[in-house]
Amino acid sequence: MALVVLALGGIGMLSLMQSSTRNAAAIQERTLAVMAAENLLNGALLESRLRGGEAGTYELAGASYAWQLRVEPTTDRDLQRVILLVNAAGTGSELARLETFRRGSGG
């Protein structure tokens, strides 16, 4: 009987460890995606003129991310809304989304 209880406890612990490992990998992927998004957004904001509709891929720490930059007008003619989306390359699932505003239409 004690052996059965011990075996069931071991199975439960293995399941918990597997779940924990899976969650840690997902957290790492999202953290790297946010870092990639911050790098890309900072680079875009340094440009004198922002153009929406740009897209590409970005490599960081051995991972590849697909990104898309959108620039939208606001009710203030001199204010732009800047949105950067970062997706997992291949799957297309959204990992990070950064939004900010920028003064000046750049044109």
PDB file of N, CA and C in Angstrom:
ATOM      1  N   MET A   1       0.831  -1.200   0.000  1.00  0.00           N
ATOM      2  CA  MET A   1       0.000   0.000   0.000  1.00  0.00           C
ATOM      3  C   MET A   1       0.878   1.267   0.000  1.00  0.00           C
ATOM      4  N   ALA A   2       1.923   1.225   0.792  1.00  0.00           N
ATOM      5  CA  ALA A   2       2.820   2.384   0.856  1.00  0.00           C
ATOM      6  C   ALA A   2       3.492   2.615  -0.498  1.00  0.00           C
ATOM      7  N   LEU A   3       3.798   1.554  -1.202  1.00  0.00           N
ATOM      8  CA  LEU A   3       4.424   1.667  -2.520  1.00  0.00           C
ATOM      9  C   LEU A   3       3.473   2.324  -3.525  1.00  0.00           C
ATOM     10  N   VAL A   4       2.190   2.022  -3.448  1.00  0.00           N
ATOM     11  CA  VAL A   4       1.185   2.628  -4.332  1.00  0.00           C
ATOM     12  C   VAL A   4       1.087   4.124  -4.053  1.00  0.00           C
ATOM     13  N   VAL A   5       1.051   4.478  -2.777  1.00  0.00           N
ATOM     14  CA  VAL A   5       0.957   5.895  -2.405  1.00  0.00           C
ATOM     15  C   VAL A   5       2.204   6.639  -2.879  1.00  0.00           C
ATOM     16  N   LEU A   6       3.353   6.032  -2.704  1.00  0.00           N
ATOM     17  CA  LEU A   6       4.601   6.636  -3.145  1.00  0.00           C
ATOM     18  C   LEU A   6       4.637   6.793  -4.672  1.00  0.00           C
ATOM     19  N   ALA A   7       4.166   5.798  -5.395  1.00  0.00           N
ATOM     20  CA  ALA A   7       4.136   5.862  -6.861  1.00  0.00           C
ATOM     21  C   ALA A   7       3.194   6.964  -7.340  1.00  0.00           C
ATOM     22  N   LEU A   8       2.027   7.076  -6.724  1.00  0.00           N
ATOM     23  CA  LEU A   8       1.073   8.125  -7.107  1.00  0.00           C
ATOM     24  C   LEU A   8       1.638   9.514  -6.810  1.00  0.00           C
ATOM     25  N   GLY A   9       2.315   9.644  -5.683  1.00  0.00           N
ATOM     26  CA  GLY A   9       2.954  10.919  -5.356  1.00  0.00           C
ATOM     27  C   GLY A   9       4.032  11.266  -6.356  1.00  0.00           C
ATOM     28  N   GLY A  10       4.817  10.255  -6.787  1.00  0.00           N
ATOM     29  CA  GLY A  10       5.868  10.479  -7.790  1.00  0.00           C
ATOM     30  C   GLY A  10       5.296  10.907  -9.123  1.00  0.00           C
ATOM     31  N   ILE A  11       4.205  10.289  -9.531  1.00  0.00           N
ATOM     32  CA  ILE A  11       3.548  10.660 -10.795  1.00  0.00           C
ATOM     33  C   ILE A  11       3.038  12.094 -10.722  1.00  0.00           C
ATOM     34  N   GLY A  12       2.476  12.445  -9.590  1.00  0.00           N
ATOM     35  CA  GLY A  12       2.001  13.826  -9.407  1.00  0.00           C
ATOM     36  C   GLY A  12       3.128  14.836  -9.471  1.00  0.00           C
ATOM     37  N   MET A  13       4.251  14.500  -8.858  1.00  0.00           N
ATOM     38  CA  MET A  13       5.411  15.399  -8.887  1.00  0.00           C
ATOM     39  C   MET A  13       5.964  15.551 -10.298  1.00  0.00           C
ATOM     40  N   LEU A  14       6.020  14.470 -11.056  1.00  0.00           N
ATOM     41  CA  LEU A  14       6.497  14.548 -12.441  1.00  0.00           C
ATOM     42  C   LEU A  14       5.588  15.423 -13.291  1.00  0.00           C
ATOM     43  N   SER A  15       4.295  15.266 -13.087  1.00  0.00           N
ATOM     44  CA  SER A  15       3.341  16.083 -13.831  1.00  0.00           C
ATOM     45  C   SER A  15       3.504  17.561 -13.488  1.00  0.00           C
ATOM     46  N   LEU A  16       3.703  17.854 -12.215  1.00  0.00           N
ATOM     47  CA  LEU A  16       3.896  19.231 -11.775  1.00  0.00           C
ATOM     48  C   LEU A  16       5.185  19.817 -12.353  1.00  0.00           C
ATOM     49  N   MET A  17       6.256  19.033 -12.380  1.00  0.00           N
ATOM     50  CA  MET A  17       7.521  19.506 -12.945  1.00  0.00           C
ATOM     51  C   MET A  17       7.394  19.768 -14.441  1.00  0.00           C
ATOM     52  N   GLN A  18       6.676  18.909 -15.144  1.00  0.00           N
ATOM     53  CA  GLN A  18       6.485  19.086 -16.584  1.00  0.00           C
ATOM     54  C   GLN A  18       5.707  20.368 -16.864  1.00  0.00           C
ATOM     55  N   SER A  19       4.664  20.604 -16.094  1.00  0.00           N
ATOM     56  CA  SER A  19       3.864  21.818 -16.253  1.00  0.00           C
ATOM     57  C   SER A  19       4.698  23.062 -15.951  1.00  0.00           C
ATOM     58  N   SER A  20       5.506  22.992 -14.922  1.00  0.00           N
ATOM     59  CA  SER A  20       6.357  24.116 -14.542  1.00  0.00           C
ATOM     60  C   SER A  20       7.382  24.431 -15.643  1.00  0.00           C
ATOM     61  N   THR A  21       7.958  23.402 -16.222  1.00  0.00           N
ATOM     62  CA  THR A  21       8.928  23.588 -17.310  1.00  0.00           C
ATOM     63  C   THR A  21       8.269  24.219 -18.526  1.00  0.00           C
ATOM     64  N   ARG A  22       7.068  23.762 -18.861  1.00  0.00           N
ATOM     65  CA  ARG A  22       6.330  24.318 -19.998  1.00  0.00           C
ATOM     66  C   ARG A  22       6.010  25.795 -19.756  1.00  0.00           C
ATOM     67  N   ASN A  23       5.582  26.139 -18.545  1.00  0.00           N
ATOM     68  CA  ASN A  23       5.266  27.531 -18.226  1.00  0.00           C
ATOM     69  C   ASN A  23       6.512  28.411 -18.274  1.00  0.00           C
ATOM     70  N   ALA A  24       7.635  27.901 -17.795  1.00  0.00           N
ATOM     71  CA  ALA A  24       8.882  28.675 -17.819  1.00  0.00           C
ATOM     72  C   ALA A  24       9.299  28.964 -19.257  1.00  0.00           C
ATOM     73  N   ALA A  25       9.142  28.007 -20.143  1.00  0.00           N
ATOM     74  CA  ALA A  25       9.497  28.221 -21.549  1.00  0.00           C
ATOM     75  C   ALA A  25       8.591  29.275 -22.184  1.00  0.00           C
ATOM     76  N   ALA A  26       7.300  29.246 -21.858  1.00  0.00           N
ATOM     77  CA  ALA A  26       6.372  30.246 -22.403  1.00  0.00           C
ATOM     78  C   ALA A  26       6.699  31.639 -21.881  1.00  0.00           C
ATOM     79  N   ILE A  27       7.063  31.733 -20.611  1.00  0.00           N
ATOM     80  CA  ILE A  27       7.428  33.027 -20.032  1.00  0.00           C
ATOM     81  C   ILE A  27       8.700  33.554 -20.684  1.00  0.00           C
ATOM     82  N   GLN A  28       9.670  32.689 -20.904  1.00  0.00           N
ATOM     83  CA  GLN A  28      10.909  33.106 -21.562  1.00  0.00           C
ATOM     84  C   GLN A  28      10.625  33.603 -22.983  1.00  0.00           C
ATOM     85  N   GLU A  29       9.774  32.900 -23.712  1.00  0.00           N
ATOM     86  CA  GLU A  29       9.446  33.305 -25.082  1.00  0.00           C
ATOM     87  C   GLU A  29       8.784  34.676 -25.105  1.00  0.00           C
ATOM     88  N   ARG A  30       7.843  34.911 -24.198  1.00  0.00           N
ATOM     89  CA  ARG A  30       7.165  36.215 -24.152  1.00  0.00           C
ATOM     90  C   ARG A  30       8.114  37.328 -23.702  1.00  0.00           C
ATOM     91  N   THR A  31       8.996  37.025 -22.772  1.00  0.00           N
ATOM     92  CA  THR A  31       9.962  38.029 -22.311  1.00  0.00           C
ATOM     93  C   THR A  31      10.886  38.447 -23.446  1.00  0.00           C
ATOM     94  N   LEU A  32      11.392  37.476 -24.195  1.00  0.00           N
ATOM     95  CA  LEU A  32      12.246  37.806 -25.333  1.00  0.00           C
ATOM     96  C   LEU A  32      11.477  38.573 -26.403  1.00  0.00           C
ATOM     97  N   ALA A  33      10.211  38.230 -26.607  1.00  0.00           N
ATOM     98  CA  ALA A  33       9.395  38.939 -27.596  1.00  0.00           C
ATOM     99  C   ALA A  33       9.182  40.391 -27.180  1.00  0.00           C
ATOM    100  N   VAL A  34       8.977  40.639 -25.891  1.00  0.00           N
ATOM    101  CA  VAL A  34       8.819  42.024 -25.414  1.00  0.00           C
ATOM    102  C   VAL A  34      10.124  42.791 -25.596  1.00  0.00           C
ATOM    103  N   MET A  35      11.253  42.150 -25.326  1.00  0.00           N
ATOM    104  CA  MET A  35      12.545  42.807 -25.540  1.00  0.00           C
ATOM    105  C   MET A  35      12.744  43.137 -27.018  1.00  0.00           C
ATOM    106  N   ALA A  36      12.370  42.215 -27.890  1.00  0.00           N
ATOM    107  CA  ALA A  36      12.469  42.467 -29.330  1.00  0.00           C
ATOM    108  C   ALA A  36      11.565  43.630 -29.721  1.00  0.00           C
ATOM    109  N   ALA A  37      10.350  43.654 -29.191  1.00  0.00           N
ATOM    110  CA  ALA A  37       9.409  44.730 -29.503  1.00  0.00           C
ATOM    111  C   ALA A  37       9.939  46.074 -29.024  1.00  0.00           C
ATOM    112  N   GLU A  38      10.519  46.108 -27.837  1.00  0.00           N
ATOM    113  CA  GLU A  38      11.079  47.364 -27.333  1.00  0.00           C
ATOM    114  C   GLU A  38      12.227  47.846 -28.218  1.00  0.00           C
ATOM    115  N   ASN A  39      13.098  46.929 -28.625  1.00  0.00           N
ATOM    116  CA  ASN A  39      14.209  47.299 -29.514  1.00  0.00           C
ATOM    117  C   ASN A  39      13.687  47.866 -30.831  1.00  0.00           C
ATOM    118  N   LEU A  40      12.721  47.180 -31.424  1.00  0.00           N
ATOM    119  CA  LEU A  40      12.168  47.617 -32.707  1.00  0.00           C
ATOM    120  C   LEU A  40      11.441  48.948 -32.589  1.00  0.00           C
ATOM    121  N   LEU A  41      10.644  49.104 -31.539  1.00  0.00           N
ATOM    122  CA  LEU A  41       9.887  50.343 -31.371  1.00  0.00           C
ATOM    123  C   LEU A  41      10.822  51.525 -31.124  1.00  0.00           C
ATOM    124  N   ASN A  42      11.846  51.328 -30.301  1.00  0.00           N
ATOM    125  CA  ASN A  42      12.805  52.411 -30.065  1.00  0.00           C
ATOM    126  C   ASN A  42      13.514  52.804 -31.357  1.00  0.00           C
ATOM    127  N   GLY A  43      13.884  51.822 -32.151  1.00  0.00           N
ATOM    128  CA  GLY A  43      14.508  52.121 -33.438  1.00  0.00           C
ATOM    129  C   GLY A  43      13.578  52.886 -34.362  1.00  0.00           C
ATOM    130  N   ALA A  44      12.312  52.493 -34.389  1.00  0.00           N
ATOM    131  CA  ALA A  44      11.338  53.176 -35.248  1.00  0.00           C
ATOM    132  C   ALA A  44      11.096  54.605 -34.779  1.00  0.00           C
ATOM    133  N   LEU A  45      11.056  54.821 -33.476  1.00  0.00           N
ATOM    134  CA  LEU A  45      10.794  56.157 -32.954  1.00  0.00           C
ATOM    135  C   LEU A  45      11.963  57.110 -33.199  1.00  0.00           C
ATOM    136  N   LEU A  46      13.146  56.568 -33.429  1.00  0.00           N
ATOM    137  CA  LEU A  46      14.293  57.410 -33.745  1.00  0.00           C
ATOM    138  C   LEU A  46      14.263  57.925 -35.177  1.00  0.00           C
ATOM    139  N   GLU A  47      13.479  57.277 -36.032  1.00  0.00           N
ATOM    140  CA  GLU A  47      13.353  57.714 -37.420  1.00  0.00           C
ATOM    141  C   GLU A  47      12.639  59.061 -37.460  1.00  0.00           C
ATOM    142  N   SER A  48      13.071  59.932 -38.355  1.00  0.00           N
ATOM    143  CA  SER A  48      12.434  61.242 -38.447  1.00  0.00           C
ATOM    144  C   SER A  48      11.018  61.133 -39.009  1.00  0.00           C
ATOM    145  N   ARG A  49      10.783  60.123 -39.818  1.00  0.00           N
ATOM    146  CA  ARG A  49       9.453  59.945 -40.403  1.00  0.00           C
ATOM    147  C   ARG A  49       9.030  58.487 -40.222  1.00  0.00           C
ATOM    148  N   LEU A  50       7.936  58.293 -39.528  1.00  0.00           N
ATOM    149  CA  LEU A  50       7.412  56.943 -39.319  1.00  0.00           C
ATOM    150  C   LEU A  50       6.469  56.582 -40.452  1.00  0.00           C
ATOM    151  N   ARG A  51       6.614  55.374 -40.942  1.00  0.00           N
ATOM    152  CA  ARG A  51       5.714  54.875 -41.976  1.00  0.00           C
ATOM    153  C   ARG A  51       5.031  53.632 -41.429  1.00  0.00           C
ATOM    154  N   GLY A  52       3.758  53.603 -41.484  1.00  0.00           N
ATOM    155  CA  GLY A  52       3.027  52.416 -41.056  1.00  0.00           C
ATOM    156  C   GLY A  52       3.070  51.349 -42.134  1.00  0.00           C
ATOM    157  N   GLY A  53       2.684  50.164 -41.779  1.00  0.00           N
ATOM    158  CA  GLY A  53       2.636  49.084 -42.743  1.00  0.00           C
ATOM    159  C   GLY A  53       3.957  48.373 -42.941  1.00  0.00           C
ATOM    160  N   GLU A  54       4.974  48.748 -42.175  1.00  0.00           N
ATOM    161  CA  GLU A  54       6.253  48.060 -42.291  1.00  0.00           C
ATOM    162  C   GLU A  54       6.190  46.744 -41.538  1.00  0.00           C
ATOM    163  N   ALA A  55       6.938  45.770 -42.014  1.00  0.00           N
ATOM    164  CA  ALA A  55       6.961  44.460 -41.372  1.00  0.00           C
ATOM    165  C   ALA A  55       8.299  43.803 -41.671  1.00  0.00           C
ATOM    166  N   GLY A  56       8.626  42.812 -40.884  1.00  0.00           N
ATOM    167  CA  GLY A  56       9.869  42.096 -41.108  1.00  0.00           C
ATOM    168  C   GLY A  56      10.062  41.011 -40.071  1.00  0.00           C
ATOM    169  N   THR A  57      11.283  40.539 -39.983  1.00  0.00           N
ATOM    170  CA  THR A  57      11.637  39.551 -38.965  1.00  0.00           C
ATOM    171  C   THR A  57      12.762  40.111 -38.121  1.00  0.00           C
ATOM    172  N   TYR A  58      12.853  39.629 -36.906  1.00  0.00           N
ATOM    173  CA  TYR A  58      13.860  40.101 -35.965  1.00  0.00           C
ATOM    174  C   TYR A  58      14.401  38.896 -35.210  1.00  0.00           C
ATOM    175  N   GLU A  59      15.712  38.807 -35.126  1.00  0.00           N
ATOM    176  CA  GLU A  59      16.371  37.701 -34.424  1.00  0.00           C
ATOM    177  C   GLU A  59      16.859  38.200 -33.071  1.00  0.00           C
ATOM    178  N   LEU A  60      16.578  37.424 -32.036  1.00  0.00           N
ATOM    179  CA  LEU A  60      17.053  37.767 -30.694  1.00  0.00           C
ATOM    180  C   LEU A  60      17.248  36.483 -29.902  1.00  0.00           C
ATOM    181  N   ALA A  61      18.438  36.299 -29.379  1.00  0.00           N
ATOM    182  CA  ALA A  61      18.767  35.151 -28.523  1.00  0.00           C
ATOM    183  C   ALA A  61      18.428  33.817 -29.189  1.00  0.00           C
ATOM    184  N   GLY A  62      18.691  33.732 -30.480  1.00  0.00           N
ATOM    185  CA  GLY A  62      18.449  32.490 -31.200  1.00  0.00           C
ATOM    186  C   GLY A  62      17.012  32.253 -31.605  1.00  0.00           C
ATOM    187  N   ALA A  63      16.133  33.199 -31.309  1.00  0.00           N
ATOM    188  CA  ALA A  63      14.717  33.071 -31.681  1.00  0.00           C
ATOM    189  C   ALA A  63      14.400  34.069 -32.789  1.00  0.00           C
ATOM    190  N   SER A  64      13.469  33.710 -33.643  1.00  0.00           N
ATOM    191  CA  SER A  64      13.063  34.570 -34.745  1.00  0.00           C
ATOM    192  C   SER A  64      11.626  35.030 -34.513  1.00  0.00           C
ATOM    193  N   TYR A  65      11.412  36.323 -34.678  1.00  0.00           N
ATOM    194  CA  TYR A  65      10.091  36.913 -34.467  1.00  0.00           C
ATOM    195  C   TYR A  65       9.660  37.682 -35.711  1.00  0.00           C
ATOM    196  N   ALA A  66       8.398  37.600 -36.035  1.00  0.00           N
ATOM    197  CA  ALA A  66       7.817  38.414 -37.100  1.00  0.00           C
ATOM    198  C   ALA A  66       7.240  39.661 -36.449  1.00  0.00           C
ATOM    199  N   TRP A  67       7.440  40.816 -37.070  1.00  0.00           N
ATOM    200  CA  TRP A  67       6.932  42.051 -36.490  1.00  0.00           C
ATOM    201  C   TRP A  67       6.200  42.879 -37.538  1.00  0.00           C
ATOM    202  N   GLN A  68       5.329  43.750 -37.025  1.00  0.00           N
ATOM    203  CA  GLN A  68       4.571  44.652 -37.894  1.00  0.00           C
ATOM    204  C   GLN A  68       4.417  45.982 -37.171  1.00  0.00           C
ATOM    205  N   LEU A  69       4.701  47.072 -37.878  1.00  0.00           N
ATOM    206  CA  LEU A  69       4.568  48.419 -37.330  1.00  0.00           C
ATOM    207  C   LEU A  69       3.374  49.102 -37.986  1.00  0.00           C
ATOM    208  N   ARG A  70       2.497  49.637 -37.154  1.00  0.00           N
ATOM    209  CA  ARG A  70       1.354  50.393 -37.660  1.00  0.00           C
ATOM    210  C   ARG A  70       1.407  51.798 -37.082  1.00  0.00           C
ATOM    211  N   VAL A  71       1.100  52.767 -37.912  1.00  0.00           N
ATOM    212  CA  VAL A  71       1.004  54.156 -37.481  1.00  0.00           C
ATOM    213  C   VAL A  71      -0.390  54.632 -37.837  1.00  0.00           C
ATOM    214  N   GLU A  72      -1.120  55.096 -36.826  1.00  0.00           N
ATOM    215  CA  GLU A  72      -2.501  55.522 -37.039  1.00  0.00           C
ATOM    216  C   GLU A  72      -2.664  56.978 -36.624  1.00  0.00           C
ATOM    217  N   PRO A  73      -3.504  57.698 -37.335  1.00  0.00           N
ATOM    218  CA  PRO A  73      -3.769  59.084 -36.938  1.00  0.00           C
ATOM    219  C   PRO A  73      -4.669  59.115 -35.694  1.00  0.00           C
ATOM    220  N   THR A  74      -4.646  60.230 -35.027  1.00  0.00           N
ATOM    221  CA  THR A  74      -5.539  60.439 -33.885  1.00  0.00           C
ATOM    222  C   THR A  74      -6.389  61.674 -34.178  1.00  0.00           C
ATOM    223  N   THR A  75      -7.238  62.050 -33.255  1.00  0.00           N
ATOM    224  CA  THR A  75      -8.061  63.244 -33.446  1.00  0.00           C
ATOM    225  C   THR A  75      -7.221  64.518 -33.433  1.00  0.00           C
ATOM    226  N   ASP A  76      -6.032  64.451 -32.831  1.00  0.00           N
ATOM    227  CA  ASP A  76      -5.076  65.558 -32.858  1.00  0.00           C
ATOM    228  C   ASP A  76      -4.211  65.382 -34.110  1.00  0.00           C
ATOM    229  N   ARG A  77      -4.258  66.330 -35.034  1.00  0.00           N
ATOM    230  CA  ARG A  77      -3.527  66.195 -36.305  1.00  0.00           C
ATOM    231  C   ARG A  77      -2.035  66.009 -36.121  1.00  0.00           C
ATOM    232  N   ASP A  78      -1.491  66.474 -35.010  1.00  0.00           N
ATOM    233  CA  ASP A  78      -0.049  66.423 -34.799  1.00  0.00           C
ATOM    234  C   ASP A  78       0.364  65.270 -33.871  1.00  0.00           C
ATOM    235  N   LEU A  79      -0.531  64.300 -33.697  1.00  0.00           N
ATOM    236  CA  LEU A  79      -0.242  63.187 -32.802  1.00  0.00           C
ATOM    237  C   LEU A  79      -0.509  61.877 -33.527  1.00  0.00           C
ATOM    238  N   GLN A  80       0.465  60.978 -33.482  1.00  0.00           N
ATOM    239  CA  GLN A  80       0.328  59.679 -34.128  1.00  0.00           C
ATOM    240  C   GLN A  80       0.285  58.577 -33.064  1.00  0.00           C
ATOM    241  N   ARG A  81      -0.503  57.569 -33.331  1.00  0.00           N
ATOM    242  CA  ARG A  81      -0.515  56.371 -32.493  1.00  0.00           C
ATOM    243  C   ARG A  81       0.378  55.344 -33.173  1.00  0.00           C
ATOM    244  N   VAL A  82       1.355  54.823 -32.457  1.00  0.00           N
ATOM    245  CA  VAL A  82       2.319  53.876 -33.009  1.00  0.00           C
ATOM    246  C   VAL A  82       2.099  52.529 -32.324  1.00  0.00           C
ATOM    247  N   ILE A  83       1.878  51.495 -33.127  1.00  0.00           N
ATOM    248  CA  ILE A  83       1.606  50.153 -32.611  1.00  0.00           C
ATOM    249  C   ILE A  83       2.615  49.190 -33.218  1.00  0.00           C
ATOM    250  N   LEU A  84       3.270  48.421 -32.375  1.00  0.00           N
ATOM    251  CA  LEU A  84       4.208  47.410 -32.833  1.00  0.00           C
ATOM    252  C   LEU A  84       3.741  46.043 -32.330  1.00  0.00           C
ATOM    253  N   LEU A  85       3.545  45.128 -33.254  1.00  0.00           N
ATOM    254  CA  LEU A  85       3.126  43.763 -32.936  1.00  0.00           C
ATOM    255  C   LEU A  85       4.280  42.814 -33.200  1.00  0.00           C
ATOM    256  N   VAL A  86       4.508  41.897 -32.281  1.00  0.00           N
ATOM    257  CA  VAL A  86       5.531  40.868 -32.447  1.00  0.00           C
ATOM    258  C   VAL A  86       4.855  39.511 -32.318  1.00  0.00           C
ATOM    259  N   ASN A  87       5.046  38.688 -33.345  1.00  0.00           N
ATOM    260  CA  ASN A  87       4.439  37.352 -33.384  1.00  0.00           C
ATOM    261  C   ASN A  87       5.520  36.291 -33.423  1.00  0.00           C
ATOM    262  N   ALA A  88       5.147  35.109 -32.998  1.00  0.00           N
ATOM    263  CA  ALA A  88       6.049  33.969 -33.122  1.00  0.00           C
ATOM    264  C   ALA A  88       6.183  33.650 -34.606  1.00  0.00           C
ATOM    265  N   ALA A  89       7.410  33.604 -35.086  1.00  0.00           N
ATOM    266  CA  ALA A  89       7.626  33.288 -36.496  1.00  0.00           C
ATOM    267  C   ALA A  89       7.146  31.872 -36.762  1.00  0.00           C
ATOM    268  N   GLY A  90       6.359  31.720 -37.791  1.00  0.00           N
ATOM    269  CA  GLY A  90       5.844  30.397 -38.143  1.00  0.00           C
ATOM    270  C   GLY A  90       4.423  30.168 -37.661  1.00  0.00           C
ATOM    271  N   THR A  91       4.163  30.428 -36.376  1.00  0.00           N
ATOM    272  CA  THR A  91       2.819  30.170 -35.857  1.00  0.00           C
ATOM    273  C   THR A  91       1.914  31.384 -35.971  1.00  0.00           C
ATOM    274  N   GLY A  92       2.504  32.573 -35.917  1.00  0.00           N
ATOM    275  CA  GLY A  92       1.709  33.784 -36.030  1.00  0.00           C
ATOM    276  C   GLY A  92       1.007  34.195 -34.752  1.00  0.00           C
ATOM    277  N   SER A  93       1.228  33.481 -33.659  1.00  0.00           N
ATOM    278  CA  SER A  93       0.559  33.849 -32.410  1.00  0.00           C
ATOM    279  C   SER A  93       1.223  35.105 -31.833  1.00  0.00           C
ATOM    280  N   GLU A  94       0.392  36.041 -31.413  1.00  0.00           N
ATOM    281  CA  GLU A  94       0.889  37.312 -30.894  1.00  0.00           C
ATOM    282  C   GLU A  94       1.563  37.104 -29.544  1.00  0.00           C
ATOM    283  N   LEU A  95       2.804  37.558 -29.446  1.00  0.00           N
ATOM    284  CA  LEU A  95       3.565  37.422 -28.208  1.00  0.00           C
ATOM    285  C   LEU A  95       3.725  38.751 -27.485  1.00  0.00           C
ATOM    286  N   ALA A  96       3.766  39.846 -28.240  1.00  0.00           N
ATOM    287  CA  ALA A  96       3.946  41.158 -27.630  1.00  0.00           C
ATOM    288  C   ALA A  96       3.253  42.215 -28.478  1.00  0.00           C
ATOM    289  N   ARG A  97       2.737  43.219 -27.794  1.00  0.00           N
ATOM    290  CA  ARG A  97       2.078  44.348 -28.463  1.00  0.00           C
ATOM    291  C   ARG A  97       2.430  45.592 -27.652  1.00  0.00           C
ATOM    292  N   LEU A  98       3.114  46.535 -28.298  1.00  0.00           N
ATOM    293  CA  LEU A  98       3.458  47.793 -27.654  1.00  0.00           C
ATOM    294  C   LEU A  98       2.763  48.924 -28.391  1.00  0.00           C
ATOM    295  N   GLU A  99       2.206  49.843 -27.634  1.00  0.00           N
ATOM    296  CA  GLU A  99       1.543  51.006 -28.208  1.00  0.00           C
ATOM    297  C   GLU A  99       2.063  52.256 -27.523  1.00  0.00           C
ATOM    298  N   THR A 100       2.262  53.289 -28.322  1.00  0.00           N
ATOM    299  CA  THR A 100       2.681  54.579 -27.783  1.00  0.00           C
ATOM    300  C   THR A 100       2.169  55.672 -28.701  1.00  0.00           C
ATOM    301  N   PHE A 101       2.417  56.894 -28.330  1.00  0.00           N
ATOM    302  CA  PHE A 101       2.048  58.033 -29.153  1.00  0.00           C
ATOM    303  C   PHE A 101       3.288  58.844 -29.462  1.00  0.00           C
ATOM    304  N   ARG A 102       3.251  59.494 -30.602  1.00  0.00           N
ATOM    305  CA  ARG A 102       4.383  60.327 -31.008  1.00  0.00           C
ATOM    306  C   ARG A 102       3.855  61.655 -31.524  1.00  0.00           C
ATOM    307  N   ARG A 103       4.441  62.710 -31.007  1.00  0.00           N
ATOM    308  CA  ARG A 103       4.074  64.051 -31.424  1.00  0.00           C
ATOM    309  C   ARG A 103       4.763  64.354 -32.744  1.00  0.00           C
ATOM    310  N   GLY A 104       4.044  64.929 -33.661  1.00  0.00           N
ATOM    311  CA  GLY A 104       4.611  65.306 -34.947  1.00  0.00           C
ATOM    312  C   GLY A 104       4.280  64.271 -36.003  1.00  0.00           C
ATOM    313  N   SER A 105       3.760  64.735 -37.109  1.00  0.00           N
ATOM    314  CA  SER A 105       3.370  63.817 -38.180  1.00  0.00           C
ATOM    315  C   SER A 105       4.563  63.385 -39.013  1.00  0.00           C
ATOM    316  N   GLY A 106       5.685  64.059 -38.859  1.00  0.00           N
ATOM    317  CA  GLY A 106       6.881  63.687 -39.588  1.00  0.00           C
ATOM    318  C   GLY A 106       6.830  64.012 -41.070  1.00  0.00           C
ATOM    319  N   GLY A 107       5.835  64.726 -41.495  1.00  0.00           N
ATOM    320  CA  GLY A 107       5.775  65.029 -42.922  1.00  0.00           C
ATOM    321  C   GLY A 107       5.096  66.299 -43.102  1.00  0.00           C
TER     322      GLY A 107
END
